[in-house]
Amino acid sequence: MKKLVLFAVAVVAISLASCGDNKAKLEAEQKRIQDSIAAVEAEAAAQAAAAQATADSIAKIAADSIAALSEKK
Protein backbone atom coordinates (compact mmCIF):
# COMPACT_ATOMS: atom_id res chain seq x y z
CA MET A 1 0.00 0.00 0.00
CA LYS A 2 2.86 2.34 0.84
CA LYS A 3 4.34 1.88 -2.63
CA LEU A 4 0.97 2.55 -4.26
CA VAL A 5 0.52 5.86 -2.38
CA LEU A 6 4.11 6.86 -3.19
CA PHE A 7 3.50 6.06 -6.87
CA ALA A 8 0.28 8.14 -6.89
CA VAL A 9 2.08 11.08 -5.28
CA ALA A 10 4.87 10.82 -7.87
CA VAL A 11 2.35 10.78 -10.74
CA VAL A 12 0.56 13.85 -9.37
CA ALA A 13 3.86 15.70 -8.86
CA ILE A 14 5.01 14.93 -12.41
CA SER A 15 1.63 15.96 -13.81
CA LEU A 16 1.72 19.31 -12.01
CA ALA A 17 5.31 19.95 -13.04
CA SER A 18 4.55 19.28 -16.69
CA CYS A 19 1.55 21.63 -16.70
CA GLY A 20 3.56 24.57 -15.36
CA ASP A 21 5.82 24.63 -18.40
CA ASN A 22 2.89 24.96 -20.79
CA LYS A 23 1.72 28.09 -18.99
CA ALA A 24 5.13 29.72 -19.40
CA LYS A 25 5.22 28.80 -23.09
CA LEU A 26 1.71 30.15 -23.59
CA GLU A 27 2.60 33.44 -21.88
CA ALA A 28 5.75 33.75 -24.00
CA GLU A 29 3.76 33.12 -27.18
CA GLN A 30 1.15 35.72 -26.19
CA LYS A 31 3.90 38.26 -25.49
CA ARG A 32 5.50 37.53 -28.86
CA ILE A 33 2.17 38.04 -30.61
CA GLN A 34 1.54 41.31 -28.74
CA ASP A 35 5.03 42.53 -29.62
CA SER A 36 4.45 41.66 -33.28
CA ILE A 37 1.15 43.54 -33.31
CA ALA A 38 2.77 46.57 -31.68
CA ALA A 39 5.57 46.53 -34.26
CA VAL A 40 3.10 46.38 -37.15
CA GLU A 41 1.03 49.22 -35.66
CA ALA A 42 4.17 51.33 -35.16
CA GLU A 43 5.22 50.72 -38.78
CA ALA A 44 1.75 51.66 -40.00
CA ALA A 45 1.85 54.87 -37.96
CA ALA A 46 5.29 55.72 -39.36
CA GLN A 47 4.08 55.14 -42.92
CA ALA A 48 1.00 57.29 -42.30
CA ALA A 49 3.20 60.08 -40.91
CA ALA A 50 5.49 59.85 -43.95
CA ALA A 51 2.51 59.96 -46.30
CA GLN A 52 1.14 63.01 -44.48
CA ALA A 53 4.51 64.74 -44.66
CA THR A 54 4.66 64.06 -48.40
CA ALA A 55 1.14 65.40 -48.88
CA ASP A 56 2.02 68.52 -46.87
CA SER A 57 5.13 69.08 -48.97
CA ILE A 58 3.19 68.74 -52.20
CA ALA A 59 0.54 71.16 -50.94
CA LYS A 60 3.21 73.70 -49.95
CA ILE A 61 4.93 73.41 -53.33
CA ALA A 62 1.61 73.87 -55.10
CA ALA A 63 0.76 76.91 -52.95
CA ASP A 64 4.19 78.42 -53.55
CA SER A 65 3.87 77.86 -57.31
CA ILE A 66 0.44 79.48 -57.39
CA ALA A 67 1.74 82.42 -55.33
CA ALA A 68 4.70 82.84 -57.69
CA LEU A 69 2.42 82.78 -60.75
CA SER A 70 0.08 85.39 -59.21
CA GLU A 71 3.01 87.71 -58.45
CA LYS A 72 4.18 87.58 -62.09
CA LYS A 73 0.86 88.92 -63.39
PDB file of N, CA and C in Angstrom:
ATOM      1  N   MET A   1       0.825  -1.190   0.000  1.00  0.00           N
ATOM      2  CA  MET A   1       0.000   0.000   0.000  1.00  0.00           C
ATOM      3  C   MET A   1       0.870   1.254   0.000  1.00  0.00           C
ATOM      4  N   LYS A   2       1.961   1.196   0.752  1.00  0.00           N
ATOM      5  CA  LYS A   2       2.856   2.336   0.844  1.00  0.00           C
ATOM      6  C   LYS A   2       3.436   2.677  -0.536  1.00  0.00           C
ATOM      7  N   LYS A   3       3.790   1.663  -1.297  1.00  0.00           N
ATOM      8  CA  LYS A   3       4.341   1.882  -2.627  1.00  0.00           C
ATOM      9  C   LYS A   3       3.285   2.466  -3.559  1.00  0.00           C
ATOM     10  N   LEU A   4       2.048   2.048  -3.426  1.00  0.00           N
ATOM     11  CA  LEU A   4       0.965   2.546  -4.257  1.00  0.00           C
ATOM     12  C   LEU A   4       0.717   4.042  -3.993  1.00  0.00           C
ATOM     13  N   VAL A   5       0.721   4.452  -2.745  1.00  0.00           N
ATOM     14  CA  VAL A   5       0.523   5.856  -2.384  1.00  0.00           C
ATOM     15  C   VAL A   5       1.711   6.679  -2.894  1.00  0.00           C
ATOM     16  N   LEU A   6       2.917   6.168  -2.714  1.00  0.00           N
ATOM     17  CA  LEU A   6       4.107   6.860  -3.194  1.00  0.00           C
ATOM     18  C   LEU A   6       4.069   7.022  -4.710  1.00  0.00           C
ATOM     19  N   PHE A   7       3.626   5.999  -5.411  1.00  0.00           N
ATOM     20  CA  PHE A   7       3.497   6.064  -6.865  1.00  0.00           C
ATOM     21  C   PHE A   7       2.462   7.114  -7.276  1.00  0.00           C
ATOM     22  N   ALA A   8       1.329   7.161  -6.581  1.00  0.00           N
ATOM     23  CA  ALA A   8       0.277   8.140  -6.887  1.00  0.00           C
ATOM     24  C   ALA A   8       0.788   9.557  -6.651  1.00  0.00           C
ATOM     25  N   VAL A   9       1.520   9.768  -5.571  1.00  0.00           N
ATOM     26  CA  VAL A   9       2.081  11.083  -5.276  1.00  0.00           C
ATOM     27  C   VAL A   9       3.084  11.479  -6.365  1.00  0.00           C
ATOM     28  N   ALA A  10       3.886  10.542  -6.811  1.00  0.00           N
ATOM     29  CA  ALA A  10       4.866  10.820  -7.867  1.00  0.00           C
ATOM     30  C   ALA A  10       4.164  11.190  -9.174  1.00  0.00           C
ATOM     31  N   VAL A  11       3.099  10.492  -9.514  1.00  0.00           N
ATOM     32  CA  VAL A  11       2.350  10.780 -10.741  1.00  0.00           C
ATOM     33  C   VAL A  11       1.736  12.179 -10.674  1.00  0.00           C
ATOM     34  N   VAL A  12       1.160  12.528  -9.529  1.00  0.00           N
ATOM     35  CA  VAL A  12       0.558  13.852  -9.370  1.00  0.00           C
ATOM     36  C   VAL A  12       1.637  14.938  -9.457  1.00  0.00           C
ATOM     37  N   ALA A  13       2.780  14.716  -8.836  1.00  0.00           N
ATOM     38  CA  ALA A  13       3.859  15.701  -8.861  1.00  0.00           C
ATOM     39  C   ALA A  13       4.374  15.903 -10.280  1.00  0.00           C
ATOM     40  N   ILE A  14       4.541  14.829 -11.018  1.00  0.00           N
ATOM     41  CA  ILE A  14       5.009  14.927 -12.406  1.00  0.00           C
ATOM     42  C   ILE A  14       3.962  15.626 -13.270  1.00  0.00           C
ATOM     43  N   SER A  15       2.706  15.324 -13.046  1.00  0.00           N
ATOM     44  CA  SER A  15       1.630  15.965 -13.811  1.00  0.00           C
ATOM     45  C   SER A  15       1.601  17.471 -13.575  1.00  0.00           C
ATOM     46  N   LEU A  16       1.729  17.880 -12.328  1.00  0.00           N
ATOM     47  CA  LEU A  16       1.718  19.305 -12.011  1.00  0.00           C
ATOM     48  C   LEU A  16       2.952  20.010 -12.572  1.00  0.00           C
ATOM     49  N   ALA A  17       4.079  19.345 -12.523  1.00  0.00           N
ATOM     50  CA  ALA A  17       5.306  19.948 -13.035  1.00  0.00           C
ATOM     51  C   ALA A  17       5.234  20.120 -14.554  1.00  0.00           C
ATOM     52  N   SER A  18       4.636  19.181 -15.236  1.00  0.00           N
ATOM     53  CA  SER A  18       4.549  19.280 -16.695  1.00  0.00           C
ATOM     54  C   SER A  18       3.540  20.342 -17.123  1.00  0.00           C
ATOM     55  N   CYS A  19       2.536  20.607 -16.349  1.00  0.00           N
ATOM     56  CA  CYS A  19       1.549  21.631 -16.695  1.00  0.00           C
ATOM     57  C   CYS A  19       2.124  23.039 -16.539  1.00  0.00           C
ATOM     58  N   GLY A  20       2.992  23.243 -15.601  1.00  0.00           N
ATOM     59  CA  GLY A  20       3.561  24.566 -15.357  1.00  0.00           C
ATOM     60  C   GLY A  20       4.358  25.077 -16.530  1.00  0.00           C
ATOM     61  N   ASP A  21       5.019  24.226 -17.258  1.00  0.00           N
ATOM     62  CA  ASP A  21       5.822  24.626 -18.404  1.00  0.00           C
ATOM     63  C   ASP A  21       4.942  25.137 -19.543  1.00  0.00           C
ATOM     64  N   ASN A  22       3.783  24.536 -19.719  1.00  0.00           N
ATOM     65  CA  ASN A  22       2.886  24.964 -20.789  1.00  0.00           C
ATOM     66  C   ASN A  22       2.405  26.398 -20.556  1.00  0.00           C
ATOM     67  N   LYS A  23       2.176  26.744 -19.308  1.00  0.00           N
ATOM     68  CA  LYS A  23       1.717  28.094 -18.991  1.00  0.00           C
ATOM     69  C   LYS A  23       2.791  29.114 -19.365  1.00  0.00           C
ATOM     70  N   ALA A  24       4.033  28.813 -19.066  1.00  0.00           N
ATOM     71  CA  ALA A  24       5.130  29.725 -19.401  1.00  0.00           C
ATOM     72  C   ALA A  24       5.266  29.850 -20.920  1.00  0.00           C
ATOM     73  N   LYS A  25       5.136  28.750 -21.629  1.00  0.00           N
ATOM     74  CA  LYS A  25       5.222  28.798 -23.092  1.00  0.00           C
ATOM     75  C   LYS A  25       4.066  29.594 -23.674  1.00  0.00           C
ATOM     76  N   LEU A  26       2.874  29.424 -23.113  1.00  0.00           N
ATOM     77  CA  LEU A  26       1.705  30.153 -23.587  1.00  0.00           C
ATOM     78  C   LEU A  26       1.877  31.656 -23.350  1.00  0.00           C
ATOM     79  N   GLU A  27       2.366  32.026 -22.176  1.00  0.00           N
ATOM     80  CA  GLU A  27       2.602  33.444 -21.883  1.00  0.00           C
ATOM     81  C   GLU A  27       3.662  34.037 -22.812  1.00  0.00           C
ATOM     82  N   ALA A  28       4.710  33.279 -23.089  1.00  0.00           N
ATOM     83  CA  ALA A  28       5.754  33.750 -24.002  1.00  0.00           C
ATOM     84  C   ALA A  28       5.201  33.934 -25.410  1.00  0.00           C
ATOM     85  N   GLU A  29       4.364  33.019 -25.850  1.00  0.00           N
ATOM     86  CA  GLU A  29       3.762  33.117 -27.177  1.00  0.00           C
ATOM     87  C   GLU A  29       2.826  34.329 -27.257  1.00  0.00           C
ATOM     88  N   GLN A  30       2.047  34.557 -26.207  1.00  0.00           N
ATOM     89  CA  GLN A  30       1.151  35.718 -26.195  1.00  0.00           C
ATOM     90  C   GLN A  30       1.950  37.019 -26.218  1.00  0.00           C
ATOM     91  N   LYS A  31       3.059  37.064 -25.492  1.00  0.00           N
ATOM     92  CA  LYS A  31       3.900  38.261 -25.490  1.00  0.00           C
ATOM     93  C   LYS A  31       4.508  38.487 -26.871  1.00  0.00           C
ATOM     94  N   ARG A  32       4.936  37.422 -27.524  1.00  0.00           N
ATOM     95  CA  ARG A  32       5.501  37.528 -28.864  1.00  0.00           C
ATOM     96  C   ARG A  32       4.462  38.070 -29.842  1.00  0.00           C
ATOM     97  N   ILE A  33       3.242  37.580 -29.732  1.00  0.00           N
ATOM     98  CA  ILE A  33       2.166  38.044 -30.609  1.00  0.00           C
ATOM     99  C   ILE A  33       1.865  39.517 -30.352  1.00  0.00           C
ATOM    100  N   GLN A  34       1.800  39.911 -29.075  1.00  0.00           N
ATOM    101  CA  GLN A  34       1.536  41.315 -28.742  1.00  0.00           C
ATOM    102  C   GLN A  34       2.656  42.212 -29.241  1.00  0.00           C
ATOM    103  N   ASP A  35       3.894  41.751 -29.125  1.00  0.00           N
ATOM    104  CA  ASP A  35       5.031  42.531 -29.620  1.00  0.00           C
ATOM    105  C   ASP A  35       4.967  42.678 -31.141  1.00  0.00           C
ATOM    106  N   SER A  36       4.562  41.616 -31.821  1.00  0.00           N
ATOM    107  CA  SER A  36       4.449  41.665 -33.282  1.00  0.00           C
ATOM    108  C   SER A  36       3.361  42.646 -33.705  1.00  0.00           C
ATOM    109  N   ILE A  37       2.240  42.621 -33.003  1.00  0.00           N
ATOM    110  CA  ILE A  37       1.147  43.541 -33.314  1.00  0.00           C
ATOM    111  C   ILE A  37       1.591  44.976 -33.080  1.00  0.00           C
ATOM    112  N   ALA A  38       2.290  45.217 -31.977  1.00  0.00           N
ATOM    113  CA  ALA A  38       2.775  46.567 -31.679  1.00  0.00           C
ATOM    114  C   ALA A  38       3.757  47.043 -32.746  1.00  0.00           C
ATOM    115  N   ALA A  39       4.606  46.155 -33.221  1.00  0.00           N
ATOM    116  CA  ALA A  39       5.572  46.527 -34.260  1.00  0.00           C
ATOM    117  C   ALA A  39       4.868  46.876 -35.566  1.00  0.00           C
ATOM    118  N   VAL A  40       3.850  46.108 -35.925  1.00  0.00           N
ATOM    119  CA  VAL A  40       3.099  46.382 -37.152  1.00  0.00           C
ATOM    120  C   VAL A  40       2.352  47.708 -37.033  1.00  0.00           C
ATOM    121  N   GLU A  41       1.751  47.956 -35.865  1.00  0.00           N
ATOM    122  CA  GLU A  41       1.034  49.216 -35.660  1.00  0.00           C
ATOM    123  C   GLU A  41       1.993  50.406 -35.704  1.00  0.00           C
ATOM    124  N   ALA A  42       3.184  50.246 -35.143  1.00  0.00           N
ATOM    125  CA  ALA A  42       4.170  51.329 -35.164  1.00  0.00           C
ATOM    126  C   ALA A  42       4.625  51.601 -36.600  1.00  0.00           C
ATOM    127  N   GLU A  43       4.820  50.558 -37.377  1.00  0.00           N
ATOM    128  CA  GLU A  43       5.220  50.721 -38.776  1.00  0.00           C
ATOM    129  C   GLU A  43       4.113  51.409 -39.577  1.00  0.00           C
ATOM    130  N   ALA A  44       2.874  51.027 -39.308  1.00  0.00           N
ATOM    131  CA  ALA A  44       1.750  51.662 -40.005  1.00  0.00           C
ATOM    132  C   ALA A  44       1.658  53.143 -39.642  1.00  0.00           C
ATOM    133  N   ALA A  45       1.878  53.471 -38.384  1.00  0.00           N
ATOM    134  CA  ALA A  45       1.848  54.870 -37.956  1.00  0.00           C
ATOM    135  C   ALA A  45       2.981  55.661 -38.609  1.00  0.00           C
ATOM    136  N   ALA A  46       4.154  55.051 -38.719  1.00  0.00           N
ATOM    137  CA  ALA A  46       5.290  55.720 -39.356  1.00  0.00           C
ATOM    138  C   ALA A  46       5.009  55.955 -40.842  1.00  0.00           C
ATOM    139  N   GLN A  47       4.419  54.990 -41.500  1.00  0.00           N
ATOM    140  CA  GLN A  47       4.082  55.144 -42.917  1.00  0.00           C
ATOM    141  C   GLN A  47       3.016  56.217 -43.107  1.00  0.00           C
ATOM    142  N   ALA A  48       2.041  56.261 -42.203  1.00  0.00           N
ATOM    143  CA  ALA A  48       1.003  57.285 -42.295  1.00  0.00           C
ATOM    144  C   ALA A  48       1.604  58.675 -42.096  1.00  0.00           C
ATOM    145  N   ALA A  49       2.534  58.794 -41.154  1.00  0.00           N
ATOM    146  CA  ALA A  49       3.196  60.078 -40.914  1.00  0.00           C
ATOM    147  C   ALA A  49       4.020  60.494 -42.133  1.00  0.00           C
ATOM    148  N   ALA A  50       4.700  59.550 -42.743  1.00  0.00           N
ATOM    149  CA  ALA A  50       5.491  59.853 -43.946  1.00  0.00           C
ATOM    150  C   ALA A  50       4.583  60.281 -45.098  1.00  0.00           C
ATOM    151  N   ALA A  51       3.458  59.600 -45.240  1.00  0.00           N
ATOM    152  CA  ALA A  51       2.511  59.959 -46.296  1.00  0.00           C
ATOM    153  C   ALA A  51       1.945  61.356 -46.056  1.00  0.00           C
ATOM    154  N   GLN A  52       1.656  61.679 -44.807  1.00  0.00           N
ATOM    155  CA  GLN A  52       1.142  63.005 -44.480  1.00  0.00           C
ATOM    156  C   GLN A  52       2.191  64.079 -44.741  1.00  0.00           C
ATOM    157  N   ALA A  53       3.431  63.781 -44.404  1.00  0.00           N
ATOM    158  CA  ALA A  53       4.509  64.743 -44.658  1.00  0.00           C
ATOM    159  C   ALA A  53       4.679  64.978 -46.158  1.00  0.00           C
ATOM    160  N   THR A  54       4.572  63.929 -46.945  1.00  0.00           N
ATOM    161  CA  THR A  54       4.664  64.061 -48.398  1.00  0.00           C
ATOM    162  C   THR A  54       3.507  64.901 -48.937  1.00  0.00           C
ATOM    163  N   ALA A  55       2.310  64.631 -48.443  1.00  0.00           N
ATOM    164  CA  ALA A  55       1.143  65.400 -48.884  1.00  0.00           C
ATOM    165  C   ALA A  55       1.286  66.868 -48.498  1.00  0.00           C
ATOM    166  N   ASP A  56       1.797  67.132 -47.302  1.00  0.00           N
ATOM    167  CA  ASP A  56       2.015  68.517 -46.868  1.00  0.00           C
ATOM    168  C   ASP A  56       3.048  69.213 -47.750  1.00  0.00           C
ATOM    169  N   SER A  57       4.101  68.509 -48.096  1.00  0.00           N
ATOM    170  CA  SER A  57       5.134  69.083 -48.969  1.00  0.00           C
ATOM    171  C   SER A  57       4.576  69.421 -50.344  1.00  0.00           C
ATOM    172  N   ILE A  58       3.799  68.507 -50.886  1.00  0.00           N
ATOM    173  CA  ILE A  58       3.193  68.736 -52.202  1.00  0.00           C
ATOM    174  C   ILE A  58       2.249  69.936 -52.143  1.00  0.00           C
ATOM    175  N   ALA A  59       1.463  70.029 -51.080  1.00  0.00           N
ATOM    176  CA  ALA A  59       0.540  71.157 -50.942  1.00  0.00           C
ATOM    177  C   ALA A  59       1.307  72.474 -50.827  1.00  0.00           C
ATOM    178  N   LYS A  60       2.407  72.479 -50.103  1.00  0.00           N
ATOM    179  CA  LYS A  60       3.206  73.701 -49.955  1.00  0.00           C
ATOM    180  C   LYS A  60       3.830  74.099 -51.288  1.00  0.00           C
ATOM    181  N   ILE A  61       4.347  73.124 -52.019  1.00  0.00           N
ATOM    182  CA  ILE A  61       4.935  73.412 -53.330  1.00  0.00           C
ATOM    183  C   ILE A  61       3.873  73.976 -54.264  1.00  0.00           C
ATOM    184  N   ALA A  62       2.689  73.386 -54.242  1.00  0.00           N
ATOM    185  CA  ALA A  62       1.608  73.871 -55.101  1.00  0.00           C
ATOM    186  C   ALA A  62       1.217  75.291 -54.707  1.00  0.00           C
ATOM    187  N   ALA A  63       1.119  75.562 -53.418  1.00  0.00           N
ATOM    188  CA  ALA A  63       0.759  76.906 -52.953  1.00  0.00           C
ATOM    189  C   ALA A  63       1.836  77.910 -53.325  1.00  0.00           C
ATOM    190  N   ASP A  64       3.087  77.524 -53.177  1.00  0.00           N
ATOM    191  CA  ASP A  64       4.190  78.418 -53.549  1.00  0.00           C
ATOM    192  C   ASP A  64       4.192  78.701 -55.056  1.00  0.00           C
ATOM    193  N   SER A  65       3.910  77.687 -55.849  1.00  0.00           N
ATOM    194  CA  SER A  65       3.866  77.861 -57.307  1.00  0.00           C
ATOM    195  C   SER A  65       2.738  78.788 -57.707  1.00  0.00           C
ATOM    196  N   ILE A  66       1.591  78.621 -57.081  1.00  0.00           N
ATOM    197  CA  ILE A  66       0.437  79.482 -57.387  1.00  0.00           C
ATOM    198  C   ILE A  66       0.753  80.923 -56.962  1.00  0.00           C
ATOM    199  N   ALA A  67       1.372  81.068 -55.810  1.00  0.00           N
ATOM    200  CA  ALA A  67       1.736  82.417 -55.334  1.00  0.00           C
ATOM    201  C   ALA A  67       2.746  83.067 -56.279  1.00  0.00           C
ATOM    202  N   ALA A  68       3.692  82.296 -56.768  1.00  0.00           N
ATOM    203  CA  ALA A  68       4.698  82.841 -57.685  1.00  0.00           C
ATOM    204  C   ALA A  68       4.055  83.240 -59.013  1.00  0.00           C
ATOM    205  N   LEU A  69       3.105  82.448 -59.493  1.00  0.00           N
ATOM    206  CA  LEU A  69       2.422  82.781 -60.748  1.00  0.00           C
ATOM    207  C   LEU A  69       1.565  84.027 -60.578  1.00  0.00           C
ATOM    208  N   SER A  70       0.925  84.209 -59.423  1.00  0.00           N
ATOM    209  CA  SER A  70       0.078  85.390 -59.211  1.00  0.00           C
ATOM    210  C   SER A  70       0.923  86.654 -59.106  1.00  0.00           C
ATOM    211  N   GLU A  71       2.142  86.539 -58.579  1.00  0.00           N
ATOM    212  CA  GLU A  71       3.012  87.710 -58.448  1.00  0.00           C
ATOM    213  C   GLU A  71       3.520  88.170 -59.827  1.00  0.00           C
ATOM    214  N   LYS A  72       3.677  87.246 -60.758  1.00  0.00           N
ATOM    215  CA  LYS A  72       4.177  87.580 -62.092  1.00  0.00           C
ATOM    216  C   LYS A  72       3.149  88.383 -62.889  1.00  0.00           C
ATOM    217  N   LYS A  73       1.895  88.241 -62.603  1.00  0.00           N
ATOM    218  CA  LYS A  73       0.861  88.924 -63.394  1.00  0.00           C
ATOM    219  C   LYS A  73       0.752  90.342 -63.064  1.00  0.00           C
TER     220      LYS A  73
END
